[in-house]
Amino acid sequence: MKVGDLVKRTEKARMPEHAGFLCAETSLGLLERKQVERMPEFICVAGDRNQSWGLLSRELLLFLLRKQEDGFFEEILDRISDGVLAADSQGRIFYANPVYTEISGVPLYRLIGRMIQDVDPASILCRTLREKAPVSDGKHLVPSVRKYVDLQAYPIWKNRKFFGAVLISRDVTALHHLDQELRRRTGTVYRDSGKTYEKALLQDGPLTDQVHAFERQVILRELEKNDWNRTQTMETLEISRRTFYRKCAELGIKEEKERAQDD
């Protein structure tokens, strides 16, 4: 989160006398509470060429910094659906959320306090630490847990000093299997339980809508095959419980409603 994201940009903002000053590109994580406490009640947020964007209250900044100190943001990271792994500038790991341990198959006690260079020398996090630049790695298989993941690593800077790096890991196993099935079935009519899957593939509309429709058909088909047993369906599709329920919510799959329609 940047300071400039907290104000509504206006070309003719009136600046009160003795207002403080912050660059719009300043990250909230770079600010220190004592520094903000010494600022005036209102702070001028400026963009390029010192052009004023608007005013920000000191109270709001202090509120956000208190939440940061209370570990509130860490609680949020513990609950997001992507895996997060962070290391300091030397490569020592200081944070990993539950999803990362689930995706990687590595327990927390084998990560925290250890050097990423020892845990996973080939990790793109090591490369980001060396180059101090973002690095991305497309979809690839993690053999130990049989999952496909998409990885992005970013450097962390604080007060213009290199602080470390963070790795974002996204489980794309379900998308991989759906993509493989989509490639295998494109152009072919498949009939199962009286349903034609060609319609989901060849219907008019944005590509995203077509993919979502196909995903919905695949999940419904497997649910029907497994007599609506969710656990067996997850195993058949090789997706986690978290991914299964998220997909069902995104695609509007409600078991009772779908069963009623079949009856």
C-alpha atoms as a PDB file:
ATOM      1  CA  MET A   1       0.000   0.000   0.000  1.00  0.00           C
ATOM      2  CA  LYS A   2       1.353   3.394  -1.014  1.00  0.00           C
ATOM      3  CA  VAL A   3       0.586   6.752   0.579  1.00  0.00           C
ATOM      4  CA  GLY A   4      -0.828   8.004  -2.727  1.00  0.00           C
ATOM      5  CA  ASP A   5      -3.446   5.225  -2.653  1.00  0.00           C
ATOM      6  CA  LEU A   6      -4.989   6.764   0.471  1.00  0.00           C
ATOM      7  CA  VAL A   7      -6.010  10.105  -1.046  1.00  0.00           C
ATOM      8  CA  LYS A   8      -8.345  11.144  -3.826  1.00  0.00           C
ATOM      9  CA  ARG A   9      -6.211  12.845  -6.417  1.00  0.00           C
ATOM     10  CA  THR A  10      -7.169  16.440  -7.170  1.00  0.00           C
ATOM     11  CA  GLU A  11      -5.380  19.005  -9.303  1.00  0.00           C
ATOM     12  CA  LYS A  12      -6.426  21.985  -7.150  1.00  0.00           C
ATOM     13  CA  ALA A  13      -6.051  20.734  -3.617  1.00  0.00           C
ATOM     14  CA  ARG A  14      -5.782  23.506  -1.027  1.00  0.00           C
ATOM     15  CA  MET A  15      -2.860  22.994   1.282  1.00  0.00           C
ATOM     16  CA  PRO A  16      -3.154  24.361   4.832  1.00  0.00           C
ATOM     17  CA  GLU A  17      -0.212  26.201   6.296  1.00  0.00           C
ATOM     18  CA  HIS A  18       2.431  24.114   8.028  1.00  0.00           C
ATOM     19  CA  ALA A  19       1.243  20.870   6.418  1.00  0.00           C
ATOM     20  CA  GLY A  20       3.601  17.932   6.380  1.00  0.00           C
ATOM     21  CA  PHE A  21       4.840  16.333   3.180  1.00  0.00           C
ATOM     22  CA  LEU A  22       5.040  12.779   1.843  1.00  0.00           C
ATOM     23  CA  CYS A  23       5.735  11.423  -1.624  1.00  0.00           C
ATOM     24  CA  ALA A  24       2.780   9.578  -3.157  1.00  0.00           C
ATOM     25  CA  GLU A  25       5.037   6.626  -4.002  1.00  0.00           C
ATOM     26  CA  THR A  26       6.087   6.099  -0.368  1.00  0.00           C
ATOM     27  CA  SER A  27       5.124   2.639   0.863  1.00  0.00           C
ATOM     28  CA  LEU A  28       3.289   2.452   4.173  1.00  0.00           C
ATOM     29  CA  GLY A  29       5.818  -0.146   5.289  1.00  0.00           C
ATOM     30  CA  LEU A  30       8.603   2.436   5.034  1.00  0.00           C
ATOM     31  CA  LEU A  31       7.060   4.756   7.605  1.00  0.00           C
ATOM     32  CA  GLU A  32       7.909   4.663  11.285  1.00  0.00           C
ATOM     33  CA  ARG A  33       5.406   5.552  13.974  1.00  0.00           C
ATOM     34  CA  LYS A  34       7.686   8.052  15.731  1.00  0.00           C
ATOM     35  CA  GLN A  35       8.315   9.791  12.416  1.00  0.00           C
ATOM     36  CA  VAL A  36       4.591  10.207  11.752  1.00  0.00           C
ATOM     37  CA  GLU A  37       3.841  11.333  15.319  1.00  0.00           C
ATOM     38  CA  ARG A  38       6.142  14.341  14.764  1.00  0.00           C
ATOM     39  CA  MET A  39       4.258  15.374  11.610  1.00  0.00           C
ATOM     40  CA  PRO A  40       1.531  18.065  11.538  1.00  0.00           C
ATOM     41  CA  GLU A  41      -2.157  17.115  11.766  1.00  0.00           C
ATOM     42  CA  PHE A  42      -2.484  17.105   7.968  1.00  0.00           C
ATOM     43  CA  ILE A  43       0.055  15.859   5.458  1.00  0.00           C
ATOM     44  CA  CYS A  44       0.382  16.924   1.852  1.00  0.00           C
ATOM     45  CA  VAL A  45       0.734  14.000  -0.548  1.00  0.00           C
ATOM     46  CA  ALA A  46       2.604  14.941  -3.708  1.00  0.00           C
ATOM     47  CA  GLY A  47       3.378  13.133  -6.946  1.00  0.00           C
ATOM     48  CA  ASP A  48       5.899  13.774  -9.675  1.00  0.00           C
ATOM     49  CA  ARG A  49       7.452  17.237  -9.786  1.00  0.00           C
ATOM     50  CA  ASN A  50       6.039  17.894  -6.289  1.00  0.00           C
ATOM     51  CA  GLN A  51       2.546  18.267  -7.755  1.00  0.00           C
ATOM     52  CA  SER A  52       0.039  18.159  -4.904  1.00  0.00           C
ATOM     53  CA  TRP A  53      -2.446  15.241  -4.964  1.00  0.00           C
ATOM     54  CA  GLY A  54      -4.346  15.893  -1.764  1.00  0.00           C
ATOM     55  CA  LEU A  55      -4.314  15.824   2.023  1.00  0.00           C
ATOM     56  CA  LEU A  56      -3.900  12.887   4.364  1.00  0.00           C
ATOM     57  CA  SER A  57      -4.585  12.988   8.089  1.00  0.00           C
ATOM     58  CA  ARG A  58      -1.886  12.036  10.554  1.00  0.00           C
ATOM     59  CA  GLU A  59      -4.525  10.109  12.551  1.00  0.00           C
ATOM     60  CA  LEU A  60      -5.197   7.752   9.627  1.00  0.00           C
ATOM     61  CA  LEU A  61      -1.510   7.008   9.151  1.00  0.00           C
ATOM     62  CA  LEU A  62      -1.047   6.303  12.849  1.00  0.00           C
ATOM     63  CA  PHE A  63      -4.097   4.026  12.820  1.00  0.00           C
ATOM     64  CA  LEU A  64      -2.652   1.969   9.962  1.00  0.00           C
ATOM     65  CA  LEU A  65       0.784   1.812  11.557  1.00  0.00           C
ATOM     66  CA  ARG A  66      -0.733   0.563  14.823  1.00  0.00           C
ATOM     67  CA  LYS A  67      -2.478  -2.236  12.940  1.00  0.00           C
ATOM     68  CA  GLN A  68       0.824  -3.062  11.315  1.00  0.00           C
ATOM     69  CA  GLU A  69       2.595  -3.197  14.688  1.00  0.00           C
ATOM     70  CA  ASP A  70      -0.181  -5.354  16.170  1.00  0.00           C
ATOM     71  CA  GLY A  71       0.517  -8.025  13.561  1.00  0.00           C
ATOM     72  CA  PHE A  72      -2.859  -7.434  11.915  1.00  0.00           C
ATOM     73  CA  PHE A  73      -1.400  -7.672   8.423  1.00  0.00           C
ATOM     74  CA  GLU A  74       0.294 -10.962   9.329  1.00  0.00           C
ATOM     75  CA  GLU A  75      -3.101 -12.349  10.339  1.00  0.00           C
ATOM     76  CA  ILE A  76      -4.397 -11.377   6.894  1.00  0.00           C
ATOM     77  CA  LEU A  77      -1.473 -13.077   5.158  1.00  0.00           C
ATOM     78  CA  ASP A  78      -2.161 -16.221   7.185  1.00  0.00           C
ATOM     79  CA  ARG A  79      -5.620 -16.399   5.635  1.00  0.00           C
ATOM     80  CA  ILE A  80      -5.122 -15.559   1.958  1.00  0.00           C
ATOM     81  CA  SER A  81      -5.331 -18.306  -0.660  1.00  0.00           C
ATOM     82  CA  ASP A  82      -1.796 -17.798  -2.065  1.00  0.00           C
ATOM     83  CA  GLY A  83       1.343 -19.129  -0.418  1.00  0.00           C
ATOM     84  CA  VAL A  84       3.731 -16.501   0.975  1.00  0.00           C
ATOM     85  CA  LEU A  85       7.371 -17.025   1.979  1.00  0.00           C
ATOM     86  CA  ALA A  86       9.638 -14.161   3.105  1.00  0.00           C
ATOM     87  CA  ALA A  87      13.360 -13.951   3.847  1.00  0.00           C
ATOM     88  CA  ASP A  88      15.661 -11.139   4.961  1.00  0.00           C
ATOM     89  CA  SER A  89      18.492  -9.714   2.868  1.00  0.00           C
ATOM     90  CA  GLN A  90      20.806 -12.574   3.885  1.00  0.00           C
ATOM     91  CA  GLY A  91      18.242 -15.216   2.951  1.00  0.00           C
ATOM     92  CA  ARG A  92      17.079 -16.190   6.432  1.00  0.00           C
ATOM     93  CA  ILE A  93      13.391 -17.098   6.370  1.00  0.00           C
ATOM     94  CA  PHE A  94      11.231 -15.163   8.844  1.00  0.00           C
ATOM     95  CA  TYR A  95       7.697 -15.809   7.566  1.00  0.00           C
ATOM     96  CA  ALA A  96       5.685 -18.490   5.789  1.00  0.00           C
ATOM     97  CA  ASN A  97       1.902 -18.722   5.781  1.00  0.00           C
ATOM     98  CA  PRO A  98      -0.113 -21.973   6.098  1.00  0.00           C
ATOM     99  CA  VAL A  99      -0.939 -22.102   2.394  1.00  0.00           C
ATOM    100  CA  TYR A 100       2.758 -22.064   1.465  1.00  0.00           C
ATOM    101  CA  THR A 101       3.479 -25.054   3.698  1.00  0.00           C
ATOM    102  CA  GLU A 102       0.476 -26.835   2.167  1.00  0.00           C
ATOM    103  CA  ILE A 103       1.581 -26.140  -1.411  1.00  0.00           C
ATOM    104  CA  SER A 104       5.264 -26.900  -0.849  1.00  0.00           C
ATOM    105  CA  GLY A 105       4.747 -29.833   1.488  1.00  0.00           C
ATOM    106  CA  VAL A 106       7.429 -28.421   3.825  1.00  0.00           C
ATOM    107  CA  PRO A 107       6.397 -27.959   7.492  1.00  0.00           C
ATOM    108  CA  LEU A 108       6.889 -24.603   9.165  1.00  0.00           C
ATOM    109  CA  TYR A 109       9.574 -25.823  11.586  1.00  0.00           C
ATOM    110  CA  ARG A 110      11.783 -26.704   8.601  1.00  0.00           C
ATOM    111  CA  LEU A 111      11.496 -23.172   7.199  1.00  0.00           C
ATOM    112  CA  ILE A 112      11.499 -20.490   9.900  1.00  0.00           C
ATOM    113  CA  GLY A 113      14.986 -19.350  10.896  1.00  0.00           C
ATOM    114  CA  ARG A 114      16.704 -21.360   8.163  1.00  0.00           C
ATOM    115  CA  MET A 115      18.505 -20.005   5.098  1.00  0.00           C
ATOM    116  CA  ILE A 116      16.596 -20.259   1.845  1.00  0.00           C
ATOM    117  CA  GLN A 117      19.922 -21.090   0.174  1.00  0.00           C
ATOM    118  CA  ASP A 118      19.999 -24.296   2.253  1.00  0.00           C
ATOM    119  CA  VAL A 119      16.269 -25.085   2.106  1.00  0.00           C
ATOM    120  CA  ASP A 120      15.888 -24.622  -1.670  1.00  0.00           C
ATOM    121  CA  PRO A 121      18.994 -23.381  -3.522  1.00  0.00           C
ATOM    122  CA  ALA A 122      17.139 -23.428  -6.858  1.00  0.00           C
ATOM    123  CA  SER A 123      14.297 -21.221  -5.587  1.00  0.00           C
ATOM    124  CA  ILE A 124      13.639 -18.005  -7.493  1.00  0.00           C
ATOM    125  CA  LEU A 125      13.665 -16.340  -4.080  1.00  0.00           C
ATOM    126  CA  CYS A 126      17.451 -16.904  -4.045  1.00  0.00           C
ATOM    127  CA  ARG A 127      17.727 -15.237  -7.427  1.00  0.00           C
ATOM    128  CA  THR A 128      15.680 -12.238  -6.278  1.00  0.00           C
ATOM    129  CA  LEU A 129      17.923 -11.890  -3.230  1.00  0.00           C
ATOM    130  CA  ARG A 130      21.003 -11.895  -5.498  1.00  0.00           C
ATOM    131  CA  GLU A 131      19.660  -9.605  -8.209  1.00  0.00           C
ATOM    132  CA  LYS A 132      17.403  -7.431  -6.026  1.00  0.00           C
ATOM    133  CA  ALA A 133      14.805  -7.539  -8.795  1.00  0.00           C
ATOM    134  CA  PRO A 134      11.460  -9.279  -9.421  1.00  0.00           C
ATOM    135  CA  VAL A 135      11.643 -12.800 -10.832  1.00  0.00           C
ATOM    136  CA  SER A 136       8.792 -14.941 -12.155  1.00  0.00           C
ATOM    137  CA  ASP A 137       8.624 -18.636 -12.841  1.00  0.00           C
ATOM    138  CA  GLY A 138       5.783 -20.076 -14.879  1.00  0.00           C
ATOM    139  CA  LYS A 139       3.741 -23.112 -14.010  1.00  0.00           C
ATOM    140  CA  HIS A 140       5.780 -26.112 -12.961  1.00  0.00           C
ATOM    141  CA  LEU A 141       5.283 -29.347 -11.046  1.00  0.00           C
ATOM    142  CA  VAL A 142       6.307 -29.866  -7.419  1.00  0.00           C
ATOM    143  CA  PRO A 143       6.935 -33.654  -7.493  1.00  0.00           C
ATOM    144  CA  SER A 144       6.838 -34.193  -3.715  1.00  0.00           C
ATOM    145  CA  VAL A 145       3.204 -33.075  -3.456  1.00  0.00           C
ATOM    146  CA  ARG A 146       2.148 -33.573  -7.109  1.00  0.00           C
ATOM    147  CA  LYS A 147       0.997 -29.982  -7.453  1.00  0.00           C
ATOM    148  CA  TYR A 148       1.481 -27.383 -10.168  1.00  0.00           C
ATOM    149  CA  VAL A 149       2.416 -23.931  -8.914  1.00  0.00           C
ATOM    150  CA  ASP A 150       3.009 -20.471 -10.346  1.00  0.00           C
ATOM    151  CA  LEU A 151       5.766 -18.504  -8.583  1.00  0.00           C
ATOM    152  CA  GLN A 152       6.528 -14.787  -8.335  1.00  0.00           C
ATOM    153  CA  ALA A 153       9.340 -13.285  -6.216  1.00  0.00           C
ATOM    154  CA  TYR A 154       9.730  -9.594  -5.324  1.00  0.00           C
ATOM    155  CA  PRO A 155      12.438  -7.610  -3.517  1.00  0.00           C
ATOM    156  CA  ILE A 156      11.531  -5.707  -0.341  1.00  0.00           C
ATOM    157  CA  TRP A 157      12.976  -2.248   0.219  1.00  0.00           C
ATOM    158  CA  LYS A 158      12.770  -0.174   3.393  1.00  0.00           C
ATOM    159  CA  ASN A 159      14.067   3.368   3.658  1.00  0.00           C
ATOM    160  CA  ARG A 160      15.896   2.770   0.364  1.00  0.00           C
ATOM    161  CA  LYS A 161      17.698  -0.152   1.941  1.00  0.00           C
ATOM    162  CA  PHE A 162      17.319  -3.699   0.655  1.00  0.00           C
ATOM    163  CA  PHE A 163      15.416  -5.553   3.356  1.00  0.00           C
ATOM    164  CA  GLY A 164      14.821  -8.973   1.769  1.00  0.00           C
ATOM    165  CA  ALA A 165      12.427 -10.672  -0.614  1.00  0.00           C
ATOM    166  CA  VAL A 166       9.022 -12.345  -0.694  1.00  0.00           C
ATOM    167  CA  LEU A 167       7.868 -15.343  -2.717  1.00  0.00           C
ATOM    168  CA  ILE A 168       4.231 -15.657  -3.802  1.00  0.00           C
ATOM    169  CA  SER A 169       3.181 -19.201  -4.664  1.00  0.00           C
ATOM    170  CA  ARG A 170      -0.153 -19.973  -6.307  1.00  0.00           C
ATOM    171  CA  ASP A 171      -1.572 -23.475  -6.596  1.00  0.00           C
ATOM    172  CA  VAL A 172      -2.698 -23.862 -10.219  1.00  0.00           C
ATOM    173  CA  THR A 173      -3.155 -27.639 -10.169  1.00  0.00           C
ATOM    174  CA  ALA A 174      -6.880 -27.463 -10.823  1.00  0.00           C
ATOM    175  CA  LEU A 175      -6.386 -25.024 -13.701  1.00  0.00           C
ATOM    176  CA  HIS A 176      -3.669 -27.267 -15.149  1.00  0.00           C
ATOM    177  CA  HIS A 177      -5.902 -30.340 -15.162  1.00  0.00           C
ATOM    178  CA  LEU A 178      -8.823 -28.383 -16.579  1.00  0.00           C
ATOM    179  CA  ASP A 179      -6.573 -26.933 -19.271  1.00  0.00           C
ATOM    180  CA  GLN A 180      -5.322 -30.400 -20.189  1.00  0.00           C
ATOM    181  CA  GLU A 181      -8.851 -31.717 -20.421  1.00  0.00           C
ATOM    182  CA  LEU A 182      -9.938 -28.693 -22.423  1.00  0.00           C
ATOM    183  CA  ARG A 183      -7.115 -29.280 -24.905  1.00  0.00           C
ATOM    184  CA  ARG A 184      -8.004 -32.949 -25.140  1.00  0.00           C
ATOM    185  CA  ARG A 185     -11.675 -32.368 -25.707  1.00  0.00           C
ATOM    186  CA  THR A 186     -11.727 -29.315 -27.937  1.00  0.00           C
ATOM    187  CA  GLY A 187     -13.618 -29.977 -31.144  1.00  0.00           C
ATOM    188  CA  THR A 188     -15.134 -33.264 -29.935  1.00  0.00           C
ATOM    189  CA  VAL A 189     -18.675 -33.875 -28.748  1.00  0.00           C
ATOM    190  CA  TYR A 190     -18.805 -35.639 -25.402  1.00  0.00           C
ATOM    191  CA  ARG A 191     -22.022 -37.032 -24.018  1.00  0.00           C
ATOM    192  CA  ASP A 192     -22.246 -38.162 -20.421  1.00  0.00           C
ATOM    193  CA  SER A 193     -25.410 -38.489 -18.319  1.00  0.00           C
ATOM    194  CA  GLY A 194     -27.343 -37.018 -21.226  1.00  0.00           C
ATOM    195  CA  LYS A 195     -25.311 -33.787 -21.301  1.00  0.00           C
ATOM    196  CA  THR A 196     -23.408 -32.395 -24.273  1.00  0.00           C
ATOM    197  CA  TYR A 197     -20.131 -30.728 -23.339  1.00  0.00           C
ATOM    198  CA  GLU A 198     -19.587 -29.309 -26.794  1.00  0.00           C
ATOM    199  CA  LYS A 199     -21.931 -26.460 -25.889  1.00  0.00           C
ATOM    200  CA  ALA A 200     -19.657 -25.325 -23.075  1.00  0.00           C
ATOM    201  CA  LEU A 201     -16.667 -25.289 -25.398  1.00  0.00           C
ATOM    202  CA  LEU A 202     -18.145 -23.724 -28.502  1.00  0.00           C
ATOM    203  CA  GLN A 203     -20.686 -21.258 -27.125  1.00  0.00           C
ATOM    204  CA  ASP A 204     -20.440 -17.585 -28.051  1.00  0.00           C
ATOM    205  CA  GLY A 205     -19.041 -15.099 -25.546  1.00  0.00           C
ATOM    206  CA  PRO A 206     -15.759 -14.052 -23.958  1.00  0.00           C
ATOM    207  CA  LEU A 207     -13.134 -16.767 -23.620  1.00  0.00           C
ATOM    208  CA  THR A 208     -13.223 -16.453 -19.816  1.00  0.00           C
ATOM    209  CA  ASP A 209     -16.943 -17.225 -19.784  1.00  0.00           C
ATOM    210  CA  GLN A 210     -16.364 -20.271 -21.975  1.00  0.00           C
ATOM    211  CA  VAL A 211     -13.620 -21.577 -19.687  1.00  0.00           C
ATOM    212  CA  HIS A 212     -15.776 -21.038 -16.600  1.00  0.00           C
ATOM    213  CA  ALA A 213     -18.663 -22.856 -18.252  1.00  0.00           C
ATOM    214  CA  PHE A 214     -16.384 -25.757 -19.108  1.00  0.00           C
ATOM    215  CA  GLU A 215     -14.965 -25.891 -15.581  1.00  0.00           C
ATOM    216  CA  ARG A 216     -18.491 -25.999 -14.219  1.00  0.00           C
ATOM    217  CA  GLN A 217     -19.417 -28.885 -16.509  1.00  0.00           C
ATOM    218  CA  VAL A 218     -16.317 -30.858 -15.494  1.00  0.00           C
ATOM    219  CA  ILE A 219     -16.934 -30.437 -11.758  1.00  0.00           C
ATOM    220  CA  LEU A 220     -20.639 -31.293 -12.086  1.00  0.00           C
ATOM    221  CA  ARG A 221     -19.820 -34.365 -14.146  1.00  0.00           C
ATOM    222  CA  GLU A 222     -17.375 -35.653 -11.536  1.00  0.00           C
ATOM    223  CA  LEU A 223     -19.835 -34.940  -8.733  1.00  0.00           C
ATOM    224  CA  GLU A 224     -22.447 -36.982 -10.558  1.00  0.00           C
ATOM    225  CA  LYS A 225     -19.996 -39.814 -11.215  1.00  0.00           C
ATOM    226  CA  ASN A 226     -19.126 -39.926  -7.513  1.00  0.00           C
ATOM    227  CA  ASP A 227     -22.775 -39.734  -6.399  1.00  0.00           C
ATOM    228  CA  TRP A 228     -22.136 -36.181  -5.142  1.00  0.00           C
ATOM    229  CA  ASN A 229     -19.415 -37.349  -2.758  1.00  0.00           C
ATOM    230  CA  ARG A 230     -17.258 -34.255  -2.430  1.00  0.00           C
ATOM    231  CA  THR A 231     -14.180 -36.003  -1.016  1.00  0.00           C
ATOM    232  CA  GLN A 232     -14.066 -38.528  -3.875  1.00  0.00           C
ATOM    233  CA  THR A 233     -14.605 -35.717  -6.390  1.00  0.00           C
ATOM    234  CA  MET A 234     -11.635 -33.765  -4.978  1.00  0.00           C
ATOM    235  CA  GLU A 235      -9.455 -36.865  -5.253  1.00  0.00           C
ATOM    236  CA  THR A 236     -10.591 -37.523  -8.827  1.00  0.00           C
ATOM    237  CA  LEU A 237      -9.848 -33.938  -9.894  1.00  0.00           C
ATOM    238  CA  GLU A 238      -6.646 -33.897  -7.788  1.00  0.00           C
ATOM    239  CA  ILE A 239      -7.483 -30.574  -6.173  1.00  0.00           C
ATOM    240  CA  SER A 240      -7.391 -29.455  -2.540  1.00  0.00           C
ATOM    241  CA  ARG A 241     -10.470 -28.920  -0.393  1.00  0.00           C
ATOM    242  CA  ARG A 242      -9.788 -25.168  -0.403  1.00  0.00           C
ATOM    243  CA  THR A 243      -9.643 -25.031  -4.213  1.00  0.00           C
ATOM    244  CA  PHE A 244     -12.746 -27.217  -4.604  1.00  0.00           C
ATOM    245  CA  TYR A 245     -14.955 -25.021  -2.428  1.00  0.00           C
ATOM    246  CA  ARG A 246     -13.560 -21.840  -3.958  1.00  0.00           C
ATOM    247  CA  LYS A 247     -14.326 -23.124  -7.459  1.00  0.00           C
ATOM    248  CA  CYS A 248     -17.836 -24.198  -6.445  1.00  0.00           C
ATOM    249  CA  ALA A 249     -18.486 -20.711  -5.066  1.00  0.00           C
ATOM    250  CA  GLU A 250     -17.031 -18.974  -8.137  1.00  0.00           C
ATOM    251  CA  LEU A 251     -19.002 -21.159 -10.558  1.00  0.00           C
ATOM    252  CA  GLY A 252     -22.269 -21.066  -8.622  1.00  0.00           C
ATOM    253  CA  ILE A 253     -22.404 -24.798  -7.944  1.00  0.00           C
ATOM    254  CA  LYS A 254     -24.890 -25.634  -5.201  1.00  0.00           C
ATOM    255  CA  GLU A 255     -25.362 -29.353  -4.718  1.00  0.00           C
ATOM    256  CA  GLU A 256     -28.962 -29.260  -3.566  1.00  0.00           C
ATOM    257  CA  LYS A 257     -30.022 -27.041  -6.472  1.00  0.00           C
ATOM    258  CA  GLU A 258     -28.183 -29.125  -9.072  1.00  0.00           C
ATOM    259  CA  ARG A 259     -29.635 -32.354  -7.680  1.00  0.00           C
ATOM    260  CA  ALA A 260     -33.148 -30.890  -7.792  1.00  0.00           C
ATOM    261  CA  GLN A 261     -32.662 -29.951 -11.437  1.00  0.00           C
ATOM    262  CA  ASP A 262     -31.520 -33.496 -12.256  1.00  0.00           C
ATOM    263  CA  ASP A 263     -34.596 -34.951 -10.541  1.00  0.00           C
END
